[in-house]
Amino acid sequence: SNVTLAQEKKAEDPKTLAQAELNALEAADINLDSTLKDGLYMLLVYKHDALIKATTDKERNHVYETIKSKIEGSFSPEQLKKLKSNKKLYENLIK
């Protein structure tokens, strides 16, 4: 049905995906101040946008590397340790 298609389309929207990832971070009890939260949101929107446009593995891998370094540079060592201990969440953020 059309509803399913519309829902799938919405699910792929970079802003929706970015917000879901932010929610997952907060649910994992990783404290984000509003500045970090805004920065991460923009970064995650960029990630999903770039992945939609990427056509080769090389391009996708470049996006993953960029995101990984930016995320690792955004968090405090404590936050990063907590994030990396949640392997599934961490992998989801950087991929």
N, C-alpha and C. Protein backbone atom coordinates (compact mmCIF):
# COMPACT_ATOMS: atom_id res chain seq x y z
N SER A 1 0.84 -1.21 0.00
CA SER A 1 0.00 0.00 0.00
C SER A 1 0.87 1.25 0.00
N ASN A 2 0.25 2.38 -0.30
CA ASN A 2 0.98 3.65 -0.36
C ASN A 2 1.53 4.08 0.99
N VAL A 3 0.81 3.72 2.03
CA VAL A 3 1.24 4.12 3.38
C VAL A 3 2.65 3.57 3.65
N THR A 4 2.84 2.30 3.35
CA THR A 4 4.13 1.68 3.60
C THR A 4 5.25 2.39 2.85
N LEU A 5 5.00 2.71 1.60
CA LEU A 5 6.00 3.42 0.81
C LEU A 5 6.33 4.78 1.42
N ALA A 6 5.30 5.49 1.82
CA ALA A 6 5.51 6.80 2.43
C ALA A 6 6.31 6.67 3.73
N GLN A 7 6.00 5.65 4.51
CA GLN A 7 6.72 5.43 5.76
C GLN A 7 8.18 5.09 5.48
N GLU A 8 8.41 4.24 4.50
CA GLU A 8 9.78 3.88 4.15
C GLU A 8 10.56 5.11 3.70
N LYS A 9 9.93 5.92 2.89
CA LYS A 9 10.56 7.14 2.41
C LYS A 9 10.93 8.03 3.59
N LYS A 10 9.99 8.19 4.52
CA LYS A 10 10.22 9.02 5.70
C LYS A 10 11.35 8.45 6.55
N ALA A 11 11.38 7.14 6.66
CA ALA A 11 12.41 6.49 7.47
C ALA A 11 13.81 6.76 6.91
N GLU A 12 13.87 7.01 5.61
CA GLU A 12 15.18 7.27 4.99
C GLU A 12 15.55 8.74 5.00
N ASP A 13 14.68 9.59 5.50
CA ASP A 13 14.96 11.02 5.54
C ASP A 13 16.13 11.28 6.50
N PRO A 14 17.19 11.94 6.02
CA PRO A 14 18.37 12.18 6.87
C PRO A 14 18.04 12.80 8.23
N LYS A 15 17.09 13.73 8.26
CA LYS A 15 16.75 14.39 9.54
C LYS A 15 16.10 13.42 10.51
N THR A 16 15.23 12.55 9.97
CA THR A 16 14.57 11.55 10.81
C THR A 16 15.59 10.56 11.36
N LEU A 17 16.49 10.11 10.48
CA LEU A 17 17.51 9.15 10.89
C LEU A 17 18.47 9.77 11.92
N ALA A 18 18.86 11.01 11.69
CA ALA A 18 19.76 11.70 12.63
C ALA A 18 19.12 11.83 13.99
N GLN A 19 17.84 12.21 14.01
CA GLN A 19 17.13 12.38 15.28
C GLN A 19 17.02 11.04 16.02
N ALA A 20 16.77 9.98 15.28
CA ALA A 20 16.68 8.64 15.90
C ALA A 20 18.01 8.26 16.54
N GLU A 21 19.11 8.60 15.91
CA GLU A 21 20.42 8.29 16.46
C GLU A 21 20.72 9.12 17.70
N LEU A 22 20.31 10.39 17.68
CA LEU A 22 20.48 11.23 18.87
C LEU A 22 19.67 10.67 20.03
N ASN A 23 18.44 10.26 19.73
CA ASN A 23 17.58 9.67 20.77
C ASN A 23 18.22 8.43 21.36
N ALA A 24 18.85 7.61 20.50
CA ALA A 24 19.51 6.39 20.97
C ALA A 24 20.69 6.73 21.88
N LEU A 25 21.41 7.79 21.56
CA LEU A 25 22.53 8.23 22.40
C LEU A 25 22.02 8.63 23.79
N GLU A 26 20.94 9.41 23.80
CA GLU A 26 20.41 9.86 25.07
C GLU A 26 19.82 8.70 25.86
N ALA A 27 19.21 7.76 25.16
CA ALA A 27 18.65 6.57 25.82
C ALA A 27 19.76 5.73 26.44
N ALA A 28 20.96 5.79 25.85
CA ALA A 28 22.12 5.05 26.37
C ALA A 28 22.79 5.81 27.50
N ASP A 29 22.15 6.92 27.91
CA ASP A 29 22.64 7.70 29.04
C ASP A 29 23.98 8.38 28.75
N ILE A 30 24.16 8.77 27.50
CA ILE A 30 25.35 9.54 27.15
C ILE A 30 24.91 11.01 27.14
N ASN A 31 25.43 11.74 28.11
CA ASN A 31 24.96 13.11 28.31
C ASN A 31 25.48 14.04 27.22
N LEU A 32 24.54 14.73 26.60
CA LEU A 32 24.88 15.68 25.55
C LEU A 32 24.40 17.06 25.96
N ASP A 33 25.32 18.04 25.98
CA ASP A 33 24.82 19.39 26.22
C ASP A 33 24.23 19.90 24.91
N SER A 34 23.53 21.00 24.96
CA SER A 34 22.78 21.44 23.78
C SER A 34 23.70 21.76 22.59
N THR A 35 24.90 22.29 22.87
CA THR A 35 25.84 22.60 21.78
C THR A 35 26.29 21.32 21.08
N LEU A 36 26.66 20.33 21.88
CA LEU A 36 27.10 19.05 21.32
C LEU A 36 25.96 18.38 20.57
N LYS A 37 24.78 18.46 21.15
CA LYS A 37 23.60 17.85 20.55
C LYS A 37 23.32 18.47 19.17
N ASP A 38 23.37 19.78 19.09
CA ASP A 38 23.15 20.48 17.81
C ASP A 38 24.22 20.11 16.79
N GLY A 39 25.47 20.07 17.25
CA GLY A 39 26.57 19.73 16.35
C GLY A 39 26.45 18.31 15.83
N LEU A 40 26.11 17.39 16.73
CA LEU A 40 25.95 16.00 16.33
C LEU A 40 24.79 15.83 15.37
N TYR A 41 23.72 16.55 15.64
CA TYR A 41 22.55 16.46 14.76
C TYR A 41 22.94 16.85 13.33
N MET A 42 23.64 17.99 13.20
CA MET A 42 24.07 18.46 11.88
C MET A 42 25.00 17.44 11.23
N LEU A 43 25.90 16.88 12.03
CA LEU A 43 26.85 15.89 11.53
C LEU A 43 26.13 14.63 11.04
N LEU A 44 25.15 14.17 11.80
CA LEU A 44 24.42 12.96 11.43
C LEU A 44 23.53 13.18 10.22
N VAL A 45 22.95 14.37 10.11
CA VAL A 45 22.16 14.71 8.92
C VAL A 45 23.10 14.69 7.70
N TYR A 46 24.27 15.29 7.88
CA TYR A 46 25.27 15.29 6.80
C TYR A 46 25.63 13.86 6.41
N LYS A 47 25.85 13.01 7.43
CA LYS A 47 26.23 11.62 7.17
C LYS A 47 25.19 10.92 6.31
N HIS A 48 23.92 10.99 6.72
CA HIS A 48 22.87 10.28 5.98
C HIS A 48 22.69 10.86 4.58
N ASP A 49 22.81 12.18 4.49
CA ASP A 49 22.71 12.85 3.20
C ASP A 49 23.83 12.38 2.28
N ALA A 50 25.04 12.35 2.81
CA ALA A 50 26.21 11.93 2.02
C ALA A 50 26.12 10.47 1.63
N LEU A 51 25.59 9.63 2.52
CA LEU A 51 25.48 8.20 2.21
C LEU A 51 24.43 7.95 1.12
N ILE A 52 23.39 8.78 1.10
CA ILE A 52 22.37 8.65 0.06
C ILE A 52 23.01 8.98 -1.30
N LYS A 53 23.88 9.99 -1.31
CA LYS A 53 24.50 10.45 -2.55
C LYS A 53 25.69 9.59 -2.98
N ALA A 54 26.30 8.88 -2.01
CA ALA A 54 27.48 8.07 -2.32
C ALA A 54 27.10 6.93 -3.25
N THR A 55 27.90 6.75 -4.28
CA THR A 55 27.57 5.70 -5.25
C THR A 55 28.57 4.55 -5.23
N THR A 56 29.74 4.78 -4.63
CA THR A 56 30.76 3.73 -4.60
C THR A 56 31.14 3.42 -3.15
N ASP A 57 31.75 2.26 -2.94
CA ASP A 57 32.24 1.90 -1.61
C ASP A 57 33.29 2.89 -1.14
N LYS A 58 34.10 3.35 -2.08
CA LYS A 58 35.15 4.32 -1.75
C LYS A 58 34.52 5.59 -1.16
N GLU A 59 33.46 6.08 -1.80
CA GLU A 59 32.77 7.28 -1.30
C GLU A 59 32.14 7.02 0.05
N ARG A 60 31.50 5.86 0.19
CA ARG A 60 30.88 5.52 1.48
C ARG A 60 31.92 5.43 2.58
N ASN A 61 33.04 4.76 2.29
CA ASN A 61 34.09 4.62 3.29
C ASN A 61 34.67 5.97 3.70
N HIS A 62 34.74 6.88 2.75
CA HIS A 62 35.22 8.23 3.05
C HIS A 62 34.26 8.91 4.04
N VAL A 63 32.95 8.74 3.82
CA VAL A 63 31.95 9.30 4.73
C VAL A 63 32.13 8.69 6.12
N TYR A 64 32.26 7.36 6.19
CA TYR A 64 32.42 6.68 7.48
C TYR A 64 33.64 7.20 8.24
N GLU A 65 34.75 7.36 7.53
CA GLU A 65 35.98 7.84 8.17
C GLU A 65 35.83 9.26 8.69
N THR A 66 35.19 10.11 7.89
CA THR A 66 34.96 11.50 8.29
C THR A 66 34.11 11.54 9.56
N ILE A 67 33.02 10.79 9.55
CA ILE A 67 32.10 10.78 10.69
C ILE A 67 32.80 10.24 11.93
N LYS A 68 33.53 9.16 11.75
CA LYS A 68 34.23 8.54 12.88
C LYS A 68 35.18 9.54 13.54
N SER A 69 35.98 10.23 12.74
CA SER A 69 36.94 11.17 13.34
C SER A 69 36.23 12.36 13.97
N LYS A 70 35.14 12.82 13.34
CA LYS A 70 34.42 13.96 13.92
C LYS A 70 33.73 13.56 15.23
N ILE A 71 33.15 12.37 15.26
CA ILE A 71 32.49 11.91 16.48
C ILE A 71 33.52 11.73 17.60
N GLU A 72 34.64 11.12 17.25
CA GLU A 72 35.67 10.91 18.27
C GLU A 72 36.25 12.22 18.77
N GLY A 73 36.23 13.24 17.91
CA GLY A 73 36.72 14.55 18.32
C GLY A 73 35.70 15.38 19.09
N SER A 74 34.44 14.95 19.03
CA SER A 74 33.37 15.74 19.66
C SER A 74 33.12 15.37 21.11
N PHE A 75 33.39 14.11 21.44
CA PHE A 75 33.08 13.63 22.78
C PHE A 75 34.26 13.73 23.72
N SER A 76 33.97 13.85 25.00
CA SER A 76 35.02 13.79 26.02
C SER A 76 35.49 12.34 26.10
N PRO A 77 36.69 12.10 26.66
CA PRO A 77 37.17 10.71 26.79
C PRO A 77 36.16 9.81 27.53
N GLU A 78 35.51 10.37 28.56
CA GLU A 78 34.52 9.59 29.33
C GLU A 78 33.33 9.21 28.45
N GLN A 79 32.82 10.21 27.70
CA GLN A 79 31.68 9.96 26.83
C GLN A 79 32.04 8.94 25.76
N LEU A 80 33.23 9.07 25.22
CA LEU A 80 33.67 8.18 24.15
C LEU A 80 33.80 6.75 24.67
N LYS A 81 34.35 6.62 25.87
CA LYS A 81 34.51 5.29 26.48
C LYS A 81 33.13 4.64 26.67
N LYS A 82 32.20 5.43 27.15
CA LYS A 82 30.84 4.94 27.37
C LYS A 82 30.19 4.56 26.04
N LEU A 83 30.39 5.40 25.05
CA LEU A 83 29.83 5.16 23.72
C LEU A 83 30.40 3.88 23.11
N LYS A 84 31.73 3.74 23.19
CA LYS A 84 32.37 2.57 22.58
C LYS A 84 32.06 1.28 23.32
N SER A 85 31.70 1.40 24.58
CA SER A 85 31.34 0.19 25.33
C SER A 85 29.98 -0.33 24.86
N ASN A 86 29.21 0.55 24.21
CA ASN A 86 27.94 0.15 23.61
C ASN A 86 28.21 -0.04 22.11
N LYS A 87 28.81 -1.18 21.80
CA LYS A 87 29.32 -1.43 20.45
C LYS A 87 28.28 -1.20 19.35
N LYS A 88 27.08 -1.68 19.58
CA LYS A 88 26.04 -1.58 18.56
C LYS A 88 25.70 -0.11 18.28
N LEU A 89 25.57 0.66 19.34
CA LEU A 89 25.26 2.09 19.20
C LEU A 89 26.39 2.82 18.47
N TYR A 90 27.62 2.52 18.89
CA TYR A 90 28.79 3.16 18.28
C TYR A 90 28.87 2.85 16.79
N GLU A 91 28.75 1.56 16.44
CA GLU A 91 28.79 1.15 15.03
C GLU A 91 27.71 1.85 14.21
N ASN A 92 26.52 1.96 14.82
CA ASN A 92 25.39 2.59 14.13
C ASN A 92 25.67 4.08 13.87
N LEU A 93 26.31 4.72 14.82
CA LEU A 93 26.61 6.15 14.66
C LEU A 93 27.61 6.41 13.55
N ILE A 94 28.63 5.56 13.48
CA ILE A 94 29.70 5.84 12.52
C ILE A 94 29.44 5.20 11.15
N LYS A 95 28.36 4.44 11.01
CA LYS A 95 28.08 3.82 9.71
C LYS A 95 26.76 4.33 9.17
